[in-house]
């Protein structure tokens, strides 16, 4: 006879969030987001801009190149996509 063990529900950790600029939205339901952060050089104490690209899932296709967006970490959706679009913070202002 097996007894059921009642374990308290595990709390999920807070998901990572990043803010960046959309560089491409040409793929279906996928956007490329460029996230820039500043790091301090260990020897020279100068601040450097380090940029990284993230592929994010955009279900509705609302993000356009130049928009500032917030992306959150999620389960792997494809080989490169591990993020999804949470919200569009600012729309592109200039016309290119």
PDB file of N, CA and C in Angstrom:
ATOM      1  N   UNK A   1       0.831  -1.168   0.000  1.00  0.00           N
ATOM      2  CA  UNK A   1       0.000   0.000   0.000  1.00  0.00           C
ATOM      3  C   UNK A   1       0.887   1.247   0.000  1.00  0.00           C
ATOM      4  N   UNK A   2       0.716   2.088  -0.994  1.00  0.00           N
ATOM      5  CA  UNK A   2       1.529   3.294  -1.121  1.00  0.00           C
ATOM      6  C   UNK A   2       0.814   4.457  -0.456  1.00  0.00           C
ATOM      7  N   UNK A   3       1.580   5.235   0.265  1.00  0.00           N
ATOM      8  CA  UNK A   3       0.998   6.411   0.907  1.00  0.00           C
ATOM      9  C   UNK A   3       1.447   7.660   0.162  1.00  0.00           C
ATOM     10  N   UNK A   4       0.544   8.556   0.017  1.00  0.00           N
ATOM     11  CA  UNK A   4       0.858   9.814  -0.672  1.00  0.00           C
ATOM     12  C   UNK A   4       1.537  10.764   0.305  1.00  0.00           C
ATOM     13  N   UNK A   5       2.622  11.330  -0.130  1.00  0.00           N
ATOM     14  CA  UNK A   5       3.352  12.280   0.697  1.00  0.00           C
ATOM     15  C   UNK A   5       2.983  13.684   0.238  1.00  0.00           C
ATOM     16  N   UNK A   6       2.483  14.466   1.143  1.00  0.00           N
ATOM     17  CA  UNK A   6       2.125  15.851   0.818  1.00  0.00           C
ATOM     18  C   UNK A   6       3.340  16.736   1.029  1.00  0.00           C
ATOM     19  N   UNK A   7       3.910  17.192  -0.061  1.00  0.00           N
ATOM     20  CA  UNK A   7       5.042  18.099   0.048  1.00  0.00           C
ATOM     21  C   UNK A   7       4.563  19.507  -0.257  1.00  0.00           C
ATOM     22  N   UNK A   8       5.106  20.486   0.436  1.00  0.00           N
ATOM     23  CA  UNK A   8       4.700  21.862   0.128  1.00  0.00           C
ATOM     24  C   UNK A   8       5.129  22.233  -1.283  1.00  0.00           C
ATOM     25  N   UNK A   9       4.328  23.047  -1.904  1.00  0.00           N
ATOM     26  CA  UNK A   9       4.652  23.443  -3.277  1.00  0.00           C
ATOM     27  C   UNK A   9       5.949  24.222  -3.295  1.00  0.00           C
ATOM     28  N   UNK A  10       6.779  23.913  -4.259  1.00  0.00           N
ATOM     29  CA  UNK A  10       8.051  24.597  -4.374  1.00  0.00           C
ATOM     30  C   UNK A  10       7.840  25.970  -4.986  1.00  0.00           C
ATOM     31  N   UNK A  11       8.551  26.950  -4.435  1.00  0.00           N
ATOM     32  CA  UNK A  11       8.460  28.283  -5.005  1.00  0.00           C
ATOM     33  C   UNK A  11       9.382  28.366  -6.203  1.00  0.00           C
ATOM     34  N   UNK A  12       8.873  28.941  -7.260  1.00  0.00           N
ATOM     35  CA  UNK A  12       9.701  29.162  -8.440  1.00  0.00           C
ATOM     36  C   UNK A  12      10.616  30.347  -8.179  1.00  0.00           C
ATOM     37  N   UNK A  13      11.815  30.248  -8.735  1.00  0.00           N
ATOM     38  CA  UNK A  13      12.694  31.389  -8.596  1.00  0.00           C
ATOM     39  C   UNK A  13      12.238  32.483  -9.547  1.00  0.00           C
ATOM     40  N   UNK A  14      12.616  33.684  -9.230  1.00  0.00           N
ATOM     41  CA  UNK A  14      12.229  34.807 -10.069  1.00  0.00           C
ATOM     42  C   UNK A  14      12.939  34.703 -11.415  1.00  0.00           C
ATOM     43  N   UNK A  15      12.205  34.896 -12.487  1.00  0.00           N
ATOM     44  CA  UNK A  15      12.787  34.763 -13.824  1.00  0.00           C
ATOM     45  C   UNK A  15      13.631  35.979 -14.166  1.00  0.00           C
ATOM     46  N   UNK A  16      14.736  35.726 -14.850  1.00  0.00           N
ATOM     47  CA  UNK A  16      15.609  36.817 -15.269  1.00  0.00           C
ATOM     48  C   UNK A  16      14.896  37.688 -16.295  1.00  0.00           C
ATOM     49  N   UNK A  17      15.140  38.989 -16.214  1.00  0.00           N
ATOM     50  CA  UNK A  17      14.569  39.945 -17.152  1.00  0.00           C
ATOM     51  C   UNK A  17      15.688  40.797 -17.715  1.00  0.00           C
ATOM     52  N   UNK A  18      15.580  41.122 -18.989  1.00  0.00           N
ATOM     53  CA  UNK A  18      16.550  41.987 -19.641  1.00  0.00           C
ATOM     54  C   UNK A  18      15.802  43.036 -20.450  1.00  0.00           C
ATOM     55  N   UNK A  19      16.423  44.189 -20.627  1.00  0.00           N
ATOM     56  CA  UNK A  19      15.853  45.257 -21.443  1.00  0.00           C
ATOM     57  C   UNK A  19      16.826  45.525 -22.575  1.00  0.00           C
ATOM     58  N   UNK A  20      16.309  45.557 -23.800  1.00  0.00           N
ATOM     59  CA  UNK A  20      17.169  45.773 -24.953  1.00  0.00           C
ATOM     60  C   UNK A  20      16.404  46.361 -26.119  1.00  0.00           C
ATOM     61  N   UNK A  21      17.099  46.475 -27.242  1.00  0.00           N
ATOM     62  CA  UNK A  21      16.541  47.066 -28.453  1.00  0.00           C
ATOM     63  C   UNK A  21      16.387  45.969 -29.507  1.00  0.00           C
ATOM     64  N   UNK A  22      15.242  45.952 -30.173  1.00  0.00           N
ATOM     65  CA  UNK A  22      14.985  44.961 -31.222  1.00  0.00           C
ATOM     66  C   UNK A  22      15.810  45.324 -32.449  1.00  0.00           C
ATOM     67  N   UNK A  23      16.600  44.365 -32.942  1.00  0.00           N
ATOM     68  CA  UNK A  23      17.398  44.620 -34.138  1.00  0.00           C
ATOM     69  C   UNK A  23      16.794  43.961 -35.365  1.00  0.00           C
ATOM     70  N   UNK A  24      16.024  42.886 -35.173  1.00  0.00           N
ATOM     71  CA  UNK A  24      15.430  42.196 -36.315  1.00  0.00           C
ATOM     72  C   UNK A  24      14.119  41.553 -35.890  1.00  0.00           C
ATOM     73  N   UNK A  25      13.136  41.616 -36.785  1.00  0.00           N
ATOM     74  CA  UNK A  25      11.868  40.921 -36.554  1.00  0.00           C
ATOM     75  C   UNK A  25      11.403  40.248 -37.838  1.00  0.00           C
ATOM     76  N   UNK A  26      12.351  39.802 -38.647  1.00  0.00           N
ATOM     77  CA  UNK A  26      12.013  39.226 -39.952  1.00  0.00           C
ATOM     78  C   UNK A  26      11.576  37.773 -39.866  1.00  0.00           C
ATOM     79  N   UNK A  27      11.890  37.098 -38.769  1.00  0.00           N
ATOM     80  CA  UNK A  27      11.477  35.706 -38.612  1.00  0.00           C
ATOM     81  C   UNK A  27      10.060  35.652 -38.062  1.00  0.00           C
ATOM     82  N   UNK A  28       9.396  34.532 -38.285  1.00  0.00           N
ATOM     83  CA  UNK A  28       8.044  34.368 -37.779  1.00  0.00           C
ATOM     84  C   UNK A  28       8.096  34.085 -36.285  1.00  0.00           C
ATOM     85  N   UNK A  29       7.411  34.929 -35.498  1.00  0.00           N
ATOM     86  CA  UNK A  29       7.288  34.778 -34.048  1.00  0.00           C
ATOM     87  C   UNK A  29       8.628  34.826 -33.318  1.00  0.00           C
ATOM     88  N   UNK A  30       9.646  35.400 -33.935  1.00  0.00           N
ATOM     89  CA  UNK A  30      10.963  35.499 -33.306  1.00  0.00           C
ATOM     90  C   UNK A  30      11.527  36.892 -33.535  1.00  0.00           C
ATOM     91  N   UNK A  31      12.101  37.463 -32.483  1.00  0.00           N
ATOM     92  CA  UNK A  31      12.787  38.739 -32.603  1.00  0.00           C
ATOM     93  C   UNK A  31      14.210  38.573 -32.087  1.00  0.00           C
ATOM     94  N   UNK A  32      15.095  39.435 -32.570  1.00  0.00           N
ATOM     95  CA  UNK A  32      16.473  39.462 -32.093  1.00  0.00           C
ATOM     96  C   UNK A  32      16.612  40.745 -31.277  1.00  0.00           C
ATOM     97  N   UNK A  33      17.046  40.598 -30.026  1.00  0.00           N
ATOM     98  CA  UNK A  33      17.147  41.732 -29.112  1.00  0.00           C
ATOM     99  C   UNK A  33      18.613  41.944 -28.763  1.00  0.00           C
ATOM    100  N   UNK A  34      19.091  43.192 -28.901  1.00  0.00           N
ATOM    101  CA  UNK A  34      20.456  43.547 -28.542  1.00  0.00           C
ATOM    102  C   UNK A  34      20.450  44.162 -27.152  1.00  0.00           C
ATOM    103  N   UNK A  35      21.148  43.503 -26.215  1.00  0.00           N
ATOM    104  CA  UNK A  35      21.223  43.982 -24.840  1.00  0.00           C
ATOM    105  C   UNK A  35      22.634  44.511 -24.599  1.00  0.00           C
ATOM    106  N   UNK A  36      22.733  45.761 -24.163  1.00  0.00           N
ATOM    107  CA  UNK A  36      24.020  46.397 -23.905  1.00  0.00           C
ATOM    108  C   UNK A  36      24.161  46.621 -22.412  1.00  0.00           C
ATOM    109  N   UNK A  37      25.332  46.246 -21.874  1.00  0.00           N
ATOM    110  CA  UNK A  37      25.602  46.496 -20.465  1.00  0.00           C
ATOM    111  C   UNK A  37      26.993  47.099 -20.337  1.00  0.00           C
ATOM    112  N   UNK A  38      27.235  47.753 -19.218  1.00  0.00           N
ATOM    113  CA  UNK A  38      28.526  48.384 -18.978  1.00  0.00           C
ATOM    114  C   UNK A  38      29.315  47.551 -17.979  1.00  0.00           C
ATOM    115  N   UNK A  39      30.587  47.326 -18.292  1.00  0.00           N
ATOM    116  CA  UNK A  39      31.474  46.674 -17.344  1.00  0.00           C
ATOM    117  C   UNK A  39      32.692  47.569 -17.146  1.00  0.00           C
ATOM    118  N   UNK A  40      33.314  47.431 -16.006  1.00  0.00           N
ATOM    119  CA  UNK A  40      34.503  48.224 -15.711  1.00  0.00           C
ATOM    120  C   UNK A  40      35.742  47.386 -15.987  1.00  0.00           C
ATOM    121  N   UNK A  41      36.670  47.953 -16.738  1.00  0.00           N
ATOM    122  CA  UNK A  41      37.906  47.253 -17.062  1.00  0.00           C
ATOM    123  C   UNK A  41      38.709  47.048 -15.779  1.00  0.00           C
ATOM    124  N   UNK A  42      39.227  45.839 -15.599  1.00  0.00           N
ATOM    125  CA  UNK A  42      39.904  45.512 -14.346  1.00  0.00           C
ATOM    126  C   UNK A  42      41.194  46.294 -14.151  1.00  0.00           C
ATOM    127  N   UNK A  43      41.913  46.538 -15.220  1.00  0.00           N
ATOM    128  CA  UNK A  43      43.203  47.215 -15.099  1.00  0.00           C
ATOM    129  C   UNK A  43      43.096  48.727 -15.242  1.00  0.00           C
ATOM    130  N   UNK A  44      42.347  49.186 -16.240  1.00  0.00           N
ATOM    131  CA  UNK A  44      42.325  50.599 -16.574  1.00  0.00           C
ATOM    132  C   UNK A  44      41.158  51.374 -15.967  1.00  0.00           C
ATOM    133  N   UNK A  45      40.220  50.691 -15.315  1.00  0.00           N
ATOM    134  CA  UNK A  45      39.060  51.310 -14.673  1.00  0.00           C
ATOM    135  C   UNK A  45      38.187  52.114 -15.629  1.00  0.00           C
ATOM    136  N   UNK A  46      38.300  51.840 -16.915  1.00  0.00           N
ATOM    137  CA  UNK A  46      37.418  52.480 -17.893  1.00  0.00           C
ATOM    138  C   UNK A  46      36.159  51.637 -18.033  1.00  0.00           C
ATOM    139  N   UNK A  47      35.046  52.266 -18.389  1.00  0.00           N
ATOM    140  CA  UNK A  47      33.808  51.534 -18.587  1.00  0.00           C
ATOM    141  C   UNK A  47      33.681  51.154 -20.056  1.00  0.00           C
ATOM    142  N   UNK A  48      33.371  49.901 -20.295  1.00  0.00           N
ATOM    143  CA  UNK A  48      33.217  49.370 -21.646  1.00  0.00           C
ATOM    144  C   UNK A  48      31.773  48.961 -21.861  1.00  0.00           C
ATOM    145  N   UNK A  49      31.322  49.105 -23.092  1.00  0.00           N
ATOM    146  CA  UNK A  49      29.987  48.656 -23.465  1.00  0.00           C
ATOM    147  C   UNK A  49      30.112  47.264 -24.067  1.00  0.00           C
ATOM    148  N   UNK A  50      29.421  46.301 -23.469  1.00  0.00           N
ATOM    149  CA  UNK A  50      29.425  44.930 -23.955  1.00  0.00           C
ATOM    150  C   UNK A  50      28.025  44.629 -24.475  1.00  0.00           C
ATOM    151  N   UNK A  51      27.944  44.138 -25.703  1.00  0.00           N
ATOM    152  CA  UNK A  51      26.668  43.869 -26.352  1.00  0.00           C
ATOM    153  C   UNK A  51      26.504  42.384 -26.598  1.00  0.00           C
ATOM    154  N   UNK A  52      25.270  41.888 -26.396  1.00  0.00           N
ATOM    155  CA  UNK A  52      24.972  40.492 -26.665  1.00  0.00           C
ATOM    156  C   UNK A  52      23.600  40.394 -27.315  1.00  0.00           C
ATOM    157  N   UNK A  53      23.462  39.431 -28.247  1.00  0.00           N
ATOM    158  CA  UNK A  53      22.195  39.205 -28.939  1.00  0.00           C
ATOM    159  C   UNK A  53      21.427  38.087 -28.253  1.00  0.00           C
ATOM    160  N   UNK A  54      20.119  38.270 -28.127  1.00  0.00           N
ATOM    161  CA  UNK A  54      19.248  37.242 -27.597  1.00  0.00           C
ATOM    162  C   UNK A  54      18.101  37.034 -28.575  1.00  0.00           C
ATOM    163  N   UNK A  55      17.732  35.780 -28.791  1.00  0.00           N
ATOM    164  CA  UNK A  55      16.573  35.449 -29.609  1.00  0.00           C
ATOM    165  C   UNK A  55      15.392  35.267 -28.673  1.00  0.00           C
ATOM    166  N   UNK A  56      14.283  35.952 -28.973  1.00  0.00           N
ATOM    167  CA  UNK A  56      13.120  35.922 -28.094  1.00  0.00           C
ATOM    168  C   UNK A  56      11.872  35.575 -28.886  1.00  0.00           C
ATOM    169  N   UNK A  57      10.930  34.922 -28.219  1.00  0.00           N
ATOM    170  CA  UNK A  57       9.667  34.514 -28.822  1.00  0.00           C
ATOM    171  C   UNK A  57       8.678  35.673 -28.742  1.00  0.00           C
ATOM    172  N   UNK A  58       8.123  36.046 -29.881  1.00  0.00           N
ATOM    173  CA  UNK A  58       7.127  37.120 -29.979  1.00  0.00           C
ATOM    174  C   UNK A  58       5.883  36.525 -30.616  1.00  0.00           C
ATOM    175  N   UNK A  59       4.960  36.063 -29.795  1.00  0.00           N
ATOM    176  CA  UNK A  59       3.786  35.333 -30.275  1.00  0.00           C
ATOM    177  C   UNK A  59       2.913  36.165 -31.199  1.00  0.00           C
ATOM    178  N   UNK A  60       2.680  37.433 -30.844  1.00  0.00           N
ATOM    179  CA  UNK A  60       1.749  38.256 -31.616  1.00  0.00           C
ATOM    180  C   UNK A  60       2.422  39.064 -32.712  1.00  0.00           C
ATOM    181  N   UNK A  61       3.743  39.145 -32.718  1.00  0.00           N
ATOM    182  CA  UNK A  61       4.440  39.899 -33.745  1.00  0.00           C
ATOM    183  C   UNK A  61       4.330  41.404 -33.576  1.00  0.00           C
ATOM    184  N   UNK A  62       4.248  41.878 -32.326  1.00  0.00           N
ATOM    185  CA  UNK A  62       4.044  43.305 -32.085  1.00  0.00           C
ATOM    186  C   UNK A  62       5.333  44.115 -32.081  1.00  0.00           C
ATOM    187  N   UNK A  63       6.467  43.492 -31.857  1.00  0.00           N
ATOM    188  CA  UNK A  63       7.734  44.232 -31.768  1.00  0.00           C
ATOM    189  C   UNK A  63       8.280  44.520 -33.158  1.00  0.00           C
ATOM    190  N   UNK A  64       8.823  45.711 -33.320  1.00  0.00           N
ATOM    191  CA  UNK A  64       9.415  46.152 -34.585  1.00  0.00           C
ATOM    192  C   UNK A  64      10.860  46.561 -34.331  1.00  0.00           C
ATOM    193  N   UNK A  65      11.704  46.551 -35.352  1.00  0.00           N
ATOM    194  CA  UNK A  65      13.093  46.991 -35.161  1.00  0.00           C
ATOM    195  C   UNK A  65      13.165  48.413 -34.613  1.00  0.00           C
ATOM    196  N   UNK A  66      14.002  48.610 -33.611  1.00  0.00           N
ATOM    197  CA  UNK A  66      14.147  49.904 -32.971  1.00  0.00           C
ATOM    198  C   UNK A  66      13.359  50.055 -31.687  1.00  0.00           C
ATOM    199  N   UNK A  67      12.422  49.160 -31.418  1.00  0.00           N
ATOM    200  CA  UNK A  67      11.634  49.232 -30.191  1.00  0.00           C
ATOM    201  C   UNK A  67      12.472  48.799 -28.994  1.00  0.00           C
ATOM    202  N   UNK A  68      12.219  49.419 -27.852  1.00  0.00           N
ATOM    203  CA  UNK A  68      12.845  49.010 -26.599  1.00  0.00           C
ATOM    204  C   UNK A  68      11.881  48.041 -25.923  1.00  0.00           C
ATOM    205  N   UNK A  69      12.381  46.835 -25.609  1.00  0.00           N
ATOM    206  CA  UNK A  69      11.511  45.777 -25.090  1.00  0.00           C
ATOM    207  C   UNK A  69      12.096  45.164 -23.828  1.00  0.00           C
ATOM    208  N   UNK A  70      11.217  44.506 -23.059  1.00  0.00           N
ATOM    209  CA  UNK A  70      11.639  43.703 -21.911  1.00  0.00           C
ATOM    210  C   UNK A  70      11.404  42.243 -22.268  1.00  0.00           C
ATOM    211  N   UNK A  71      12.440  41.416 -22.083  1.00  0.00           N
ATOM    212  CA  UNK A  71      12.319  39.986 -22.332  1.00  0.00           C
ATOM    213  C   UNK A  71      12.544  39.234 -21.033  1.00  0.00           C
ATOM    214  N   UNK A  72      11.878  38.091 -20.891  1.00  0.00           N
ATOM    215  CA  UNK A  72      12.015  37.277 -19.681  1.00  0.00           C
ATOM    216  C   UNK A  72      12.465  35.884 -20.072  1.00  0.00           C
ATOM    217  N   UNK A  73      13.186  35.254 -19.174  1.00  0.00           N
ATOM    218  CA  UNK A  73      13.705  33.912 -19.402  1.00  0.00           C
ATOM    219  C   UNK A  73      12.557  32.910 -19.373  1.00  0.00           C
ATOM    220  N   UNK A  74      12.634  31.898 -20.228  1.00  0.00           N
ATOM    221  CA  UNK A  74      11.586  30.893 -20.295  1.00  0.00           C
ATOM    222  C   UNK A  74      12.198  29.557 -20.687  1.00  0.00           C
ATOM    223  N   UNK A  75      11.371  28.558 -20.850  1.00  0.00           N
ATOM    224  CA  UNK A  75      11.861  27.247 -21.244  1.00  0.00           C
ATOM    225  C   UNK A  75      12.438  27.315 -22.661  1.00  0.00           C
ATOM    226  N   UNK A  76      13.301  26.380 -23.043  1.00  0.00           N
ATOM    227  CA  UNK A  76      13.830  26.386 -24.408  1.00  0.00           C
ATOM    228  C   UNK A  76      12.707  26.168 -25.431  1.00  0.00           C
ATOM    229  N   UNK A  77      12.605  27.052 -26.384  1.00  0.00           N
ATOM    230  CA  UNK A  77      11.575  26.950 -27.415  1.00  0.00           C
ATOM    231  C   UNK A  77      12.146  26.467 -28.734  1.00  0.00           C
ATOM    232  N   UNK A  78      13.429  26.636 -28.930  1.00  0.00           N
ATOM    233  CA  UNK A  78      14.106  26.125 -30.112  1.00  0.00           C
ATOM    234  C   UNK A  78      15.588  26.056 -29.782  1.00  0.00           C
ATOM    235  N   UNK A  79      16.410  25.868 -30.800  1.00  0.00           N
ATOM    236  CA  UNK A  79      17.846  25.737 -30.554  1.00  0.00           C
ATOM    237  C   UNK A  79      18.435  27.010 -29.958  1.00  0.00           C
ATOM    238  N   UNK A  80      17.923  28.178 -30.352  1.00  0.00           N
ATOM    239  CA  UNK A  80      18.484  29.444 -29.885  1.00  0.00           C
ATOM    240  C   UNK A  80      17.556  30.226 -28.958  1.00  0.00           C
ATOM    241  N   UNK A  81      16.254  29.968 -29.008  1.00  0.00           N
ATOM    242  CA  UNK A  81      15.301  30.779 -28.248  1.00  0.00           C
ATOM    243  C   UNK A  81      15.119  30.251 -26.835  1.00  0.00           C
ATOM    244  N   UNK A  82      15.515  31.077 -25.860  1.00  0.00           N
ATOM    245  CA  UNK A  82      15.290  30.770 -24.449  1.00  0.00           C
ATOM    246  C   UNK A  82      14.642  31.949 -23.736  1.00  0.00           C
ATOM    247  N   UNK A  83      14.159  32.921 -24.477  1.00  0.00           N
ATOM    248  CA  UNK A  83      13.556  34.122 -23.925  1.00  0.00           C
ATOM    249  C   UNK A  83      12.236  34.368 -24.624  1.00  0.00           C
ATOM    250  N   UNK A  84      11.349  35.129 -23.984  1.00  0.00           N
ATOM    251  CA  UNK A  84      10.093  35.534 -24.625  1.00  0.00           C
ATOM    252  C   UNK A  84       9.842  37.004 -24.347  1.00  0.00           C
ATOM    253  N   UNK A  85       9.112  37.630 -25.239  1.00  0.00           N
ATOM    254  CA  UNK A  85       8.794  39.046 -25.121  1.00  0.00           C
ATOM    255  C   UNK A  85       7.789  39.248 -23.999  1.00  0.00           C
ATOM    256  N   UNK A  86       8.116  40.123 -23.036  1.00  0.00           N
ATOM    257  CA  UNK A  86       7.189  40.432 -21.953  1.00  0.00           C
ATOM    258  C   UNK A  86       6.356  41.660 -22.303  1.00  0.00           C
ATOM    259  N   UNK A  87       7.031  42.728 -22.746  1.00  0.00           N
ATOM    260  CA  UNK A  87       6.298  43.938 -23.114  1.00  0.00           C
ATOM    261  C   UNK A  87       7.186  44.850 -23.948  1.00  0.00           C
ATOM    262  N   UNK A  88       6.527  45.708 -24.703  1.00  0.00           N
ATOM    263  CA  UNK A  88       7.224  46.742 -25.469  1.00  0.00           C
ATOM    264  C   UNK A  88       7.217  47.995 -24.610  1.00  0.00           C
ATOM    265  N   UNK A  89       8.398  48.466 -24.238  1.00  0.00           N
ATOM    266  CA  UNK A  89       8.502  49.626 -23.348  1.00  0.00           C
ATOM    267  C   UNK A  89       8.400  50.943 -24.099  1.00  0.00           C
ATOM    268  N   UNK A  90       9.029  51.013 -25.272  1.00  0.00           N
ATOM    269  CA  UNK A  90       9.007  52.254 -26.056  1.00  0.00           C
ATOM    270  C   UNK A  90       9.057  51.906 -27.529  1.00  0.00           C
ATOM    271  N   UNK A  91       8.311  52.627 -28.310  1.00  0.00           N
ATOM    272  CA  UNK A  91       8.318  52.421 -29.758  1.00  0.00           C
ATOM    273  C   UNK A  91       9.436  53.228 -30.381  1.00  0.00           C
ATOM    274  N   UNK A  92       9.873  52.802 -31.564  1.00  0.00           N
ATOM    275  CA  UNK A  92      10.891  53.538 -32.308  1.00  0.00           C
ATOM    276  C   UNK A  92      10.348  54.908 -32.657  1.00  0.00           C
ATOM    277  N   UNK A  93      11.156  55.939 -32.452  1.00  0.00           N
ATOM    278  CA  UNK A  93      10.676  57.297 -32.675  1.00  0.00           C
ATOM    279  C   UNK A  93      11.069  57.832 -34.045  1.00  0.00           C
ATOM    280  N   UNK A  94      12.274  57.503 -34.518  1.00  0.00           N
ATOM    281  CA  UNK A  94      12.718  58.050 -35.799  1.00  0.00           C
ATOM    282  C   UNK A  94      12.410  57.080 -36.922  1.00  0.00           C
ATOM    283  N   UNK A  95      12.205  57.637 -38.103  1.00  0.00           N
ATOM    284  CA  UNK A  95      11.943  56.817 -39.287  1.00  0.00           C
ATOM    285  C   UNK A  95      13.254  56.662 -40.034  1.00  0.00           C
ATOM    286  N   UNK A  96      13.645  55.417 -40.278  1.00  0.00           N
ATOM    287  CA  UNK A  96      14.932  55.172 -40.932  1.00  0.00           C
ATOM    288  C   UNK A  96      14.752  54.955 -42.401  1.00  0.00           C
TER     289      UNK A  96
END
